[in-house]
N, C-alpha and C. Protein backbone atom coordinates (compact mmCIF):
# COMPACT_ATOMS: atom_id res chain seq x y z
N MET A 1 0.77 -1.29 -0.13
CA MET A 1 0.03 0.03 0.08
C MET A 1 0.91 1.43 0.12
N PRO A 2 0.55 2.09 -0.69
CA PRO A 2 1.30 3.46 -1.15
C PRO A 2 1.51 4.26 0.33
N ASP A 3 2.59 4.91 0.86
CA ASP A 3 2.57 5.55 2.03
C ASP A 3 1.47 6.71 2.11
N SER A 4 1.25 7.23 0.69
CA SER A 4 0.23 8.38 1.04
C SER A 4 -1.46 7.84 1.44
N TYR A 5 -1.49 6.44 1.06
CA TYR A 5 -3.04 6.05 1.16
C TYR A 5 -3.16 5.45 2.82
N LYS A 6 -1.81 5.15 3.25
CA LYS A 6 -1.76 4.93 4.54
C LYS A 6 -2.06 6.27 5.65
N TYR A 7 -1.38 7.24 5.10
CA TYR A 7 -1.33 8.50 5.80
C TYR A 7 -3.17 8.97 5.76
N VAL A 8 -3.69 8.59 4.54
CA VAL A 8 -5.30 9.05 4.59
C VAL A 8 -6.04 8.32 5.33
N ARG A 9 -5.84 6.78 5.29
CA ARG A 9 -6.29 5.88 6.32
C ARG A 9 -6.11 6.14 7.63
N ASP A 10 -5.00 6.60 8.06
CA ASP A 10 -4.70 6.91 9.45
C ASP A 10 -5.22 8.10 9.93
N LEU A 11 -5.45 9.18 9.09
CA LEU A 11 -6.27 10.39 9.25
C LEU A 11 -7.69 10.00 9.43
N GLU A 12 -8.06 9.27 8.40
CA GLU A 12 -9.76 8.69 8.54
C GLU A 12 -9.86 8.19 10.02
N THR A 13 -9.03 7.25 10.46
CA THR A 13 -9.20 6.42 11.64
C THR A 13 -9.28 7.77 12.99
N GLU A 14 -8.39 8.39 12.75
CA GLU A 14 -8.30 9.56 13.77
C GLU A 14 -9.35 10.35 13.83
N LEU A 15 -10.24 10.73 12.72
CA LEU A 15 -11.29 11.54 12.50
C LEU A 15 -12.34 10.74 13.05
N ALA A 16 -12.55 9.29 12.68
CA ALA A 16 -13.54 8.72 13.56
C ALA A 16 -13.68 8.60 14.72
N ASN A 17 -12.42 8.42 15.28
CA ASN A 17 -12.07 8.41 16.83
C ASN A 17 -12.87 9.71 17.55
N HIS A 18 -12.28 10.80 16.83
CA HIS A 18 -12.81 12.22 17.14
C HIS A 18 -14.28 12.14 17.06
N ARG A 19 -14.96 11.80 16.17
CA ARG A 19 -16.36 11.70 15.83
C ARG A 19 -17.00 10.94 16.95
N ARG A 20 -16.56 9.90 17.49
CA ARG A 20 -17.25 9.02 18.32
C ARG A 20 -17.15 9.98 19.81
N LEU A 21 -15.90 10.46 20.07
CA LEU A 21 -15.86 10.90 21.38
C LEU A 21 -16.78 12.24 21.13
N TYR A 22 -16.78 13.06 20.36
CA TYR A 22 -17.44 14.30 20.28
C TYR A 22 -19.15 13.82 20.41
N TRP A 23 -19.53 12.74 19.68
CA TRP A 23 -21.02 12.18 19.73
C TRP A 23 -21.35 11.91 21.13
N VAL A 24 -20.34 11.38 21.71
CA VAL A 24 -20.83 10.80 23.21
C VAL A 24 -20.70 11.84 24.16
N LYS A 25 -19.74 12.75 24.01
CA LYS A 25 -19.78 13.95 24.89
C LYS A 25 -20.61 15.09 24.80
N ILE A 26 -21.04 15.41 23.18
CA ILE A 26 -21.86 16.34 22.96
C ILE A 26 -23.02 16.03 22.22
N GLY A 27 -22.84 15.26 21.04
CA GLY A 27 -23.81 15.05 20.07
C GLY A 27 -25.10 14.70 20.45
N PHE A 28 -24.78 13.19 21.26
CA PHE A 28 -25.89 12.35 22.00
C PHE A 28 -26.65 13.21 22.76
N ARG A 29 -26.07 14.28 23.66
CA ARG A 29 -26.43 14.73 25.04
C ARG A 29 -27.17 16.11 24.25
N SER A 30 -27.22 16.54 23.42
CA SER A 30 -27.66 17.84 22.83
C SER A 30 -29.22 17.74 22.52
N TYR A 31 -29.86 18.96 22.64
CA TYR A 31 -31.53 19.13 22.25
C TYR A 31 -31.39 18.63 20.83
N GLN A 32 -30.44 19.01 20.01
CA GLN A 32 -30.50 19.20 18.67
C GLN A 32 -30.72 17.85 18.29
N TRP A 33 -29.80 16.71 18.98
CA TRP A 33 -29.88 15.37 18.32
C TRP A 33 -31.11 14.57 18.93
N TRP A 34 -31.82 15.08 19.95
CA TRP A 34 -32.95 14.46 20.57
C TRP A 34 -34.19 14.95 19.53
N LEU A 35 -34.23 16.33 19.20
CA LEU A 35 -35.10 16.87 18.32
C LEU A 35 -35.29 16.39 17.19
N LEU A 36 -34.02 16.19 16.66
CA LEU A 36 -34.04 15.58 15.19
C LEU A 36 -34.32 13.81 15.15
N SER A 37 -34.17 13.18 16.21
CA SER A 37 -34.39 11.90 16.53
C SER A 37 -36.17 11.80 16.67
N ALA A 38 -36.58 12.80 17.26
CA ALA A 38 -38.09 12.53 17.50
C ALA A 38 -38.86 12.66 16.11
N LEU A 39 -38.34 13.96 15.61
CA LEU A 39 -39.17 14.25 14.03
C LEU A 39 -38.69 13.18 13.14
N THR A 40 -37.57 12.57 13.36
CA THR A 40 -37.54 11.23 12.30
C THR A 40 -38.58 10.23 12.80
N ILE A 41 -38.63 10.02 13.99
CA ILE A 41 -39.90 8.87 14.65
C ILE A 41 -41.22 9.31 14.15
N LEU A 42 -41.40 10.72 14.32
CA LEU A 42 -42.73 11.21 13.88
C LEU A 42 -43.15 11.21 12.47
N ALA A 43 -41.89 11.50 11.55
CA ALA A 43 -42.18 11.41 10.07
C ALA A 43 -42.46 10.10 9.81
N ILE A 44 -41.67 8.97 10.55
CA ILE A 44 -42.00 7.48 10.03
C ILE A 44 -43.41 7.27 10.58
N ILE A 45 -44.05 7.48 11.45
CA ILE A 45 -45.28 7.13 11.99
C ILE A 45 -46.40 7.99 11.30
N VAL A 46 -46.15 9.18 10.70
CA VAL A 46 -46.96 9.90 9.89
C VAL A 46 -46.97 9.13 8.51
N TRP A 47 -45.99 8.70 8.06
CA TRP A 47 -45.69 7.95 6.89
C TRP A 47 -46.56 6.82 6.75
N LEU A 48 -46.20 6.08 8.06
CA LEU A 48 -47.27 4.73 8.34
C LEU A 48 -48.48 4.92 8.34
N ILE A 49 -48.96 5.94 8.87
CA ILE A 49 -50.62 6.41 8.84
C ILE A 49 -51.19 6.69 7.44
N LEU A 50 -50.16 7.43 6.52
CA LEU A 50 -50.72 8.05 5.48
C LEU A 50 -50.34 7.44 4.22
N VAL A 51 -49.55 6.44 4.31
CA VAL A 51 -49.10 5.82 3.12
C VAL A 51 -50.20 4.92 2.59
N ASP A 52 -50.28 5.00 1.15
CA ASP A 52 -50.98 4.27 0.33
C ASP A 52 -50.55 2.65 0.32
N ARG A 53 -51.27 1.89 1.09
CA ARG A 53 -50.79 0.52 1.05
C ARG A 53 -50.77 -0.12 -0.37
N THR A 54 -51.72 0.34 -1.05
CA THR A 54 -51.67 -0.36 -2.49
C THR A 54 -50.66 -0.03 -3.45
N ARG A 55 -50.07 0.99 -3.20
CA ARG A 55 -49.00 1.43 -3.97
C ARG A 55 -47.46 1.34 -3.06
N LEU A 56 -47.21 0.46 -2.13
CA LEU A 56 -46.42 0.66 -1.18
C LEU A 56 -45.25 0.15 -1.87
N ILE A 57 -45.14 -0.71 -2.73
CA ILE A 57 -43.78 -1.01 -3.42
C ILE A 57 -43.43 0.12 -4.35
N GLU A 58 -44.38 0.82 -5.13
CA GLU A 58 -44.08 1.87 -5.71
C GLU A 58 -43.38 3.03 -4.98
N LEU A 59 -44.22 3.39 -4.05
CA LEU A 59 -43.77 4.42 -3.24
C LEU A 59 -42.38 4.15 -2.50
N SER A 60 -42.28 3.02 -2.12
CA SER A 60 -41.05 2.31 -1.30
C SER A 60 -39.76 2.77 -2.29
N PHE A 61 -40.05 2.44 -3.75
CA PHE A 61 -38.78 2.49 -4.80
C PHE A 61 -38.73 3.84 -5.00
N PHE A 62 -39.69 4.79 -4.84
CA PHE A 62 -39.38 6.27 -5.23
C PHE A 62 -38.62 6.71 -4.00
N GLY A 63 -39.14 6.39 -2.93
CA GLY A 63 -38.69 6.60 -1.58
C GLY A 63 -36.85 6.58 -1.48
N ALA A 64 -36.60 5.07 -1.87
CA ALA A 64 -35.40 4.87 -2.06
C ALA A 64 -34.53 5.43 -2.97
N VAL A 65 -35.12 5.92 -3.85
CA VAL A 65 -34.42 6.66 -5.07
C VAL A 65 -33.97 8.19 -4.47
N ILE A 66 -35.07 8.56 -3.72
CA ILE A 66 -34.78 10.11 -2.99
C ILE A 66 -33.72 9.83 -2.27
N ALA A 67 -33.78 8.85 -1.65
CA ALA A 67 -32.83 8.77 -0.36
C ALA A 67 -31.20 8.61 -1.11
N ILE A 68 -31.20 7.71 -2.12
CA ILE A 68 -29.90 7.59 -2.59
C ILE A 68 -29.64 8.97 -3.54
N LEU A 69 -30.22 9.43 -4.01
CA LEU A 69 -30.16 11.05 -4.74
C LEU A 69 -29.68 12.02 -3.47
N SER A 70 -30.44 12.09 -2.60
CA SER A 70 -30.25 13.28 -1.55
C SER A 70 -28.78 12.66 -0.86
N THR A 71 -28.64 11.29 -0.51
CA THR A 71 -27.50 11.24 0.02
C THR A 71 -26.04 11.33 -0.69
N THR A 72 -26.17 11.31 -1.94
CA THR A 72 -25.22 10.96 -2.79
C THR A 72 -24.79 12.77 -2.92
N MET A 73 -25.96 13.45 -3.22
CA MET A 73 -25.77 15.01 -3.23
C MET A 73 -24.87 15.63 -2.02
N ASP A 74 -25.58 15.08 -0.80
CA ASP A 74 -25.13 15.37 0.58
C ASP A 74 -23.60 15.03 0.57
N GLU A 75 -23.33 13.66 0.27
CA GLU A 75 -22.11 13.48 0.26
C GLU A 75 -20.87 14.21 -0.35
N TYR A 76 -21.45 14.35 -1.62
CA TYR A 76 -20.46 15.70 -2.44
C TYR A 76 -20.16 17.00 -1.98
N GLY A 77 -21.38 17.38 -1.26
CA GLY A 77 -21.23 18.59 -0.63
C GLY A 77 -20.29 18.62 0.52
N TYR A 78 -20.60 17.51 1.23
CA TYR A 78 -19.78 17.45 2.26
C TYR A 78 -18.26 17.35 2.12
N GLU A 79 -17.84 16.17 1.13
CA GLU A 79 -16.54 15.94 0.71
C GLU A 79 -16.01 17.26 0.19
N TYR A 80 -16.52 18.27 -0.65
CA TYR A 80 -16.07 19.10 -1.33
C TYR A 80 -16.07 20.59 -0.46
N ARG A 81 -16.72 20.47 0.98
CA ARG A 81 -16.69 21.36 2.14
C ARG A 81 -17.47 22.43 1.48
N LEU A 82 -18.45 21.89 1.17
CA LEU A 82 -19.49 23.18 0.63
C LEU A 82 -20.47 23.26 1.89
N TRP A 83 -20.41 22.32 2.97
CA TRP A 83 -21.30 22.52 3.95
C TRP A 83 -20.70 21.36 5.11
N SER A 84 -21.11 21.76 6.34
CA SER A 84 -20.74 20.77 7.26
C SER A 84 -21.92 20.56 8.29
N TYR A 85 -21.56 19.71 9.20
CA TYR A 85 -22.91 19.22 10.24
C TYR A 85 -21.95 19.19 11.40
N ASN A 86 -22.93 19.63 12.64
CA ASN A 86 -22.34 19.53 13.96
C ASN A 86 -22.97 18.19 14.97
N PHE A 87 -23.71 17.57 14.19
CA PHE A 87 -24.68 16.62 14.57
C PHE A 87 -24.61 15.43 13.79
N HIS A 88 -24.67 14.13 14.23
CA HIS A 88 -24.67 12.72 13.65
C HIS A 88 -25.74 12.05 14.23
N LEU A 89 -26.61 11.19 13.75
CA LEU A 89 -27.40 10.51 14.28
C LEU A 89 -26.67 9.43 15.20
N LEU A 90 -25.38 8.70 14.51
CA LEU A 90 -24.54 7.84 14.99
C LEU A 90 -23.35 8.22 14.49
N PRO A 91 -22.29 8.09 15.32
CA PRO A 91 -21.15 8.56 14.96
C PRO A 91 -20.62 7.87 13.47
N GLN A 92 -20.98 6.69 13.28
CA GLN A 92 -20.45 5.81 12.08
C GLN A 92 -21.47 6.13 11.09
N LEU A 93 -22.44 6.66 11.13
CA LEU A 93 -23.18 7.09 9.74
C LEU A 93 -22.77 8.49 9.37
N PRO A 94 -23.04 8.48 8.16
CA PRO A 94 -22.57 9.92 7.47
C PRO A 94 -23.49 10.92 7.92
N HIS A 95 -23.06 12.17 8.34
CA HIS A 95 -23.56 13.27 8.55
C HIS A 95 -24.97 13.31 9.08
N ILE A 96 -25.87 13.94 8.69
CA ILE A 96 -27.28 14.07 9.26
C ILE A 96 -28.16 12.99 8.37
N SER A 97 -27.63 11.88 8.26
CA SER A 97 -28.27 10.85 7.57
C SER A 97 -29.49 10.66 7.65
N TRP A 98 -30.27 10.97 9.22
CA TRP A 98 -31.69 10.62 9.28
C TRP A 98 -32.44 11.68 8.24
N VAL A 99 -32.00 12.74 7.87
CA VAL A 99 -32.73 13.36 6.85
C VAL A 99 -32.82 12.92 5.41
N TYR A 100 -31.73 12.18 5.38
CA TYR A 100 -31.85 11.78 3.83
C TYR A 100 -32.22 10.40 3.83
N TYR A 101 -32.11 9.58 4.78
CA TYR A 101 -32.82 8.22 4.67
C TYR A 101 -34.27 8.09 5.16
N PHE A 102 -34.68 9.09 5.94
CA PHE A 102 -36.17 9.21 6.45
C PHE A 102 -37.00 10.39 5.97
N MET A 103 -36.30 11.62 6.48
CA MET A 103 -37.29 12.46 6.48
C MET A 103 -37.65 13.07 4.83
N MET A 104 -36.59 13.23 4.05
CA MET A 104 -36.68 13.70 2.59
C MET A 104 -37.49 12.53 2.00
N PRO A 105 -37.02 11.18 1.99
CA PRO A 105 -37.82 10.40 1.27
C PRO A 105 -39.42 10.32 1.81
N ILE A 106 -39.57 10.67 3.01
CA ILE A 106 -41.22 10.51 3.54
C ILE A 106 -41.83 11.85 2.70
N ILE A 107 -41.12 12.98 2.91
CA ILE A 107 -41.98 14.17 2.41
C ILE A 107 -41.96 13.91 0.87
N TYR A 108 -40.95 13.58 0.22
CA TYR A 108 -41.45 13.29 -1.28
C TYR A 108 -42.25 12.25 -1.58
N MET A 109 -42.04 11.21 -0.81
CA MET A 109 -43.11 9.84 -1.20
C MET A 109 -44.66 10.51 -0.93
N LEU A 110 -44.78 11.43 0.01
CA LEU A 110 -46.06 11.90 0.24
C LEU A 110 -46.58 12.71 -0.74
N VAL A 111 -45.71 13.39 -1.07
CA VAL A 111 -46.14 14.64 -2.41
C VAL A 111 -46.55 13.63 -3.63
N TYR A 112 -45.66 12.71 -3.88
CA TYR A 112 -45.59 11.84 -4.91
C TYR A 112 -46.98 11.16 -4.94
N GLN A 113 -47.36 10.59 -3.76
CA GLN A 113 -48.56 9.97 -3.58
C GLN A 113 -49.77 10.79 -3.81
N TYR A 114 -49.79 11.86 -3.09
CA TYR A 114 -51.09 12.77 -3.26
C TYR A 114 -51.19 13.82 -4.57
N PHE A 115 -50.12 14.00 -5.31
CA PHE A 115 -50.26 14.89 -6.38
C PHE A 115 -49.81 13.97 -7.41
N ASN A 116 -50.94 13.50 -8.43
CA ASN A 116 -50.55 12.40 -9.47
C ASN A 116 -50.19 13.04 -10.68
N ASP A 117 -50.98 14.22 -11.41
CA ASP A 117 -50.66 14.61 -12.57
C ASP A 117 -49.38 15.71 -12.36
N TRP A 118 -48.53 15.77 -13.53
CA TRP A 118 -47.48 16.39 -13.50
C TRP A 118 -47.32 17.91 -13.07
N ARG A 119 -48.72 18.61 -13.33
CA ARG A 119 -48.95 19.85 -12.96
C ARG A 119 -48.89 20.10 -11.55
N SER A 120 -49.86 19.49 -10.88
CA SER A 120 -50.05 19.60 -9.52
C SER A 120 -48.70 18.99 -8.79
N TYR A 121 -48.23 18.07 -9.33
CA TYR A 121 -46.88 17.50 -8.70
C TYR A 121 -45.79 18.58 -8.49
N SER A 122 -45.80 19.28 -9.67
CA SER A 122 -44.53 20.39 -10.00
C SER A 122 -44.89 21.41 -9.12
N VAL A 123 -45.98 21.74 -8.77
CA VAL A 123 -46.32 23.07 -8.11
C VAL A 123 -46.14 22.43 -6.65
N ALA A 124 -46.38 21.07 -6.27
CA ALA A 124 -46.12 20.65 -5.01
C ALA A 124 -44.81 20.94 -4.79
N MET A 125 -43.71 20.43 -5.69
CA MET A 125 -42.56 20.31 -5.38
C MET A 125 -41.75 21.73 -5.44
N VAL A 126 -42.18 22.63 -5.97
CA VAL A 126 -41.81 24.06 -6.01
C VAL A 126 -41.87 24.56 -4.39
N VAL A 127 -43.26 24.18 -3.88
CA VAL A 127 -43.39 24.51 -2.50
C VAL A 127 -42.58 23.64 -1.46
N VAL A 128 -42.27 22.58 -1.98
CA VAL A 128 -41.41 21.45 -0.97
C VAL A 128 -40.03 22.10 -1.02
N ALA A 129 -39.46 22.29 -2.27
CA ALA A 129 -38.30 22.78 -2.39
C ALA A 129 -37.97 24.16 -1.70
N ALA A 130 -39.06 25.05 -1.83
CA ALA A 130 -38.98 26.41 -1.09
C ALA A 130 -39.02 26.14 0.33
N ILE A 131 -39.72 25.28 0.94
CA ILE A 131 -39.67 24.96 2.52
C ILE A 131 -38.47 24.45 2.83
N LEU A 132 -37.95 23.42 2.04
CA LEU A 132 -36.63 22.74 2.57
C LEU A 132 -35.47 23.82 2.17
N ALA A 133 -35.42 24.59 1.34
CA ALA A 133 -34.39 25.45 1.14
C ALA A 133 -34.36 26.73 1.88
N PHE A 134 -35.69 27.48 2.03
CA PHE A 134 -35.67 28.70 2.58
C PHE A 134 -36.40 28.70 4.16
N VAL A 135 -36.66 27.40 4.47
CA VAL A 135 -37.13 27.39 5.76
C VAL A 135 -36.42 26.37 6.79
N PHE A 136 -36.37 25.18 6.26
CA PHE A 136 -35.76 24.10 7.01
C PHE A 136 -34.22 24.27 7.03
N GLU A 137 -33.58 24.71 5.94
CA GLU A 137 -32.19 25.02 6.09
C GLU A 137 -31.88 26.09 6.97
N PRO A 138 -32.40 27.31 6.86
CA PRO A 138 -32.10 28.54 7.91
C PRO A 138 -32.35 27.85 9.35
N LEU A 139 -33.40 27.02 9.48
CA LEU A 139 -33.64 26.74 10.77
C LEU A 139 -32.74 25.66 11.46
N LEU A 140 -32.13 24.86 10.61
CA LEU A 140 -30.98 24.01 10.92
C LEU A 140 -29.74 24.84 11.35
N ILE A 141 -29.57 25.84 10.36
CA ILE A 141 -28.34 26.89 10.85
C ILE A 141 -28.66 27.44 12.12
N ARG A 142 -29.76 27.98 12.31
CA ARG A 142 -30.06 28.62 13.76
C ARG A 142 -29.68 27.72 15.07
N MET A 143 -30.15 26.29 14.58
CA MET A 143 -30.08 25.28 15.49
C MET A 143 -28.53 24.99 15.70
N HIS A 144 -27.42 25.18 14.99
CA HIS A 144 -26.16 25.05 14.83
C HIS A 144 -26.23 23.51 14.69
N ILE A 145 -26.84 22.93 13.69
CA ILE A 145 -26.82 21.61 13.27
C ILE A 145 -26.23 21.47 11.90
N TYR A 146 -26.54 22.47 10.93
CA TYR A 146 -26.39 22.87 9.52
C TYR A 146 -25.21 23.68 9.45
N VAL A 147 -23.91 23.64 9.08
CA VAL A 147 -23.06 25.13 8.67
C VAL A 147 -22.88 25.07 7.04
N PRO A 148 -23.41 26.01 6.37
CA PRO A 148 -23.00 26.16 5.28
C PRO A 148 -21.62 26.80 5.18
N LEU A 149 -20.75 26.31 4.49
CA LEU A 149 -19.35 26.74 4.08
C LEU A 149 -19.32 27.71 2.93
N LYS A 150 -19.66 26.91 1.60
CA LYS A 150 -19.44 27.65 0.44
C LYS A 150 -20.79 27.41 0.00
N TRP A 151 -21.85 27.56 0.59
CA TRP A 151 -23.04 27.44 -0.04
C TRP A 151 -24.01 28.16 0.46
N ARG A 152 -25.33 28.45 -0.44
CA ARG A 152 -26.08 29.45 -0.28
C ARG A 152 -27.59 28.66 -0.58
N HIS A 153 -28.57 28.93 0.37
CA HIS A 153 -30.08 28.40 0.31
C HIS A 153 -30.38 28.51 -1.02
N ILE A 154 -30.16 29.48 -1.94
CA ILE A 154 -30.66 29.31 -3.37
C ILE A 154 -30.37 28.44 -3.94
N TYR A 155 -29.10 27.87 -3.91
CA TYR A 155 -28.49 26.61 -4.39
C TYR A 155 -29.28 25.38 -4.46
N SER A 156 -29.73 25.35 -3.11
CA SER A 156 -30.41 24.05 -2.90
C SER A 156 -31.78 23.94 -3.69
N PHE A 157 -32.69 24.85 -3.84
CA PHE A 157 -33.86 25.16 -4.25
C PHE A 157 -34.05 24.40 -5.63
N PRO A 158 -33.27 24.59 -6.54
CA PRO A 158 -33.45 23.78 -7.88
C PRO A 158 -32.86 22.39 -7.67
N ILE A 159 -32.15 22.05 -6.69
CA ILE A 159 -31.57 20.56 -6.36
C ILE A 159 -32.85 19.90 -5.81
N TYR A 160 -33.38 20.46 -4.70
CA TYR A 160 -34.32 19.82 -4.21
C TYR A 160 -35.59 19.62 -5.20
N PHE A 161 -35.94 20.51 -6.01
CA PHE A 161 -36.96 20.39 -7.08
C PHE A 161 -36.51 19.41 -8.31
N ALA A 162 -35.39 19.34 -8.61
CA ALA A 162 -34.77 18.42 -9.65
C ALA A 162 -34.96 16.80 -9.04
N ILE A 163 -34.26 16.72 -8.02
CA ILE A 163 -34.60 15.30 -7.20
C ILE A 163 -36.02 14.86 -7.49
N GLY A 164 -36.84 15.61 -7.08
CA GLY A 164 -38.37 15.24 -7.15
C GLY A 164 -38.80 14.66 -8.38
N VAL A 165 -38.64 15.81 -9.22
CA VAL A 165 -38.80 15.66 -10.78
C VAL A 165 -38.38 14.38 -11.61
N ALA A 166 -37.23 14.63 -11.11
CA ALA A 166 -35.99 13.37 -12.10
C ALA A 166 -36.70 12.04 -11.45
N THR A 167 -36.82 11.84 -9.93
CA THR A 167 -37.22 10.68 -9.49
C THR A 167 -38.74 10.27 -9.89
N LYS A 168 -39.89 11.20 -10.14
CA LYS A 168 -40.84 11.03 -10.53
C LYS A 168 -40.89 10.36 -11.93
N ALA A 169 -40.18 11.03 -12.88
CA ALA A 169 -39.76 10.74 -14.21
C ALA A 169 -39.50 9.23 -14.60
N LEU A 170 -38.41 8.87 -13.33
CA LEU A 170 -37.89 7.68 -13.51
C LEU A 170 -38.78 6.51 -13.21
N VAL A 171 -39.70 6.86 -12.32
CA VAL A 171 -40.57 5.64 -11.87
C VAL A 171 -41.74 5.70 -12.97
N ILE A 172 -42.17 6.61 -13.22
CA ILE A 172 -42.93 6.58 -14.33
C ILE A 172 -42.26 5.90 -15.70
N LYS A 173 -41.29 5.97 -15.91
CA LYS A 173 -40.76 5.15 -17.18
C LYS A 173 -40.45 4.02 -16.84
N LEU A 174 -40.47 3.29 -15.55
CA LEU A 174 -39.76 2.05 -15.00
C LEU A 174 -41.49 1.26 -15.12
N GLN A 175 -42.38 2.12 -14.94
CA GLN A 175 -43.83 1.56 -14.95
C GLN A 175 -44.21 0.59 -15.96
């Protein structure tokens, strides 16, 4: 193994150790962690109540694609230091994974479930993208959860919209 790769692995190990220590001393004990955990559980409960069980496979596939796309975008932004996070669900999981594994897919699945035609879906996605970019992100900043480094909310808006539209187009094409 090249020396430079070993150096990178050693740094990753050191970073993982610091993340675990931070999580135990600060993250897990913070109101932010408990609030986001509670909201995630609430989102799952709401989804279980509202989900159209006759479309469960379709909706689950849709949600999985949303989770994959949003997580990939988040990994890209985090890796290139466009933003950072102060809290992790677990120190072994990437960033605020609960948002990308649960909250966003649930929000998007419910929009997909309730707004069938393209016009109403597109309008709903504009509203969702605006709420995520201009309400949710600033709220996460005020709560010291999310730290934009080289990022502005306006950049997030078209991405949130595009993820929803692209995923609907993919699901429709595959049906």
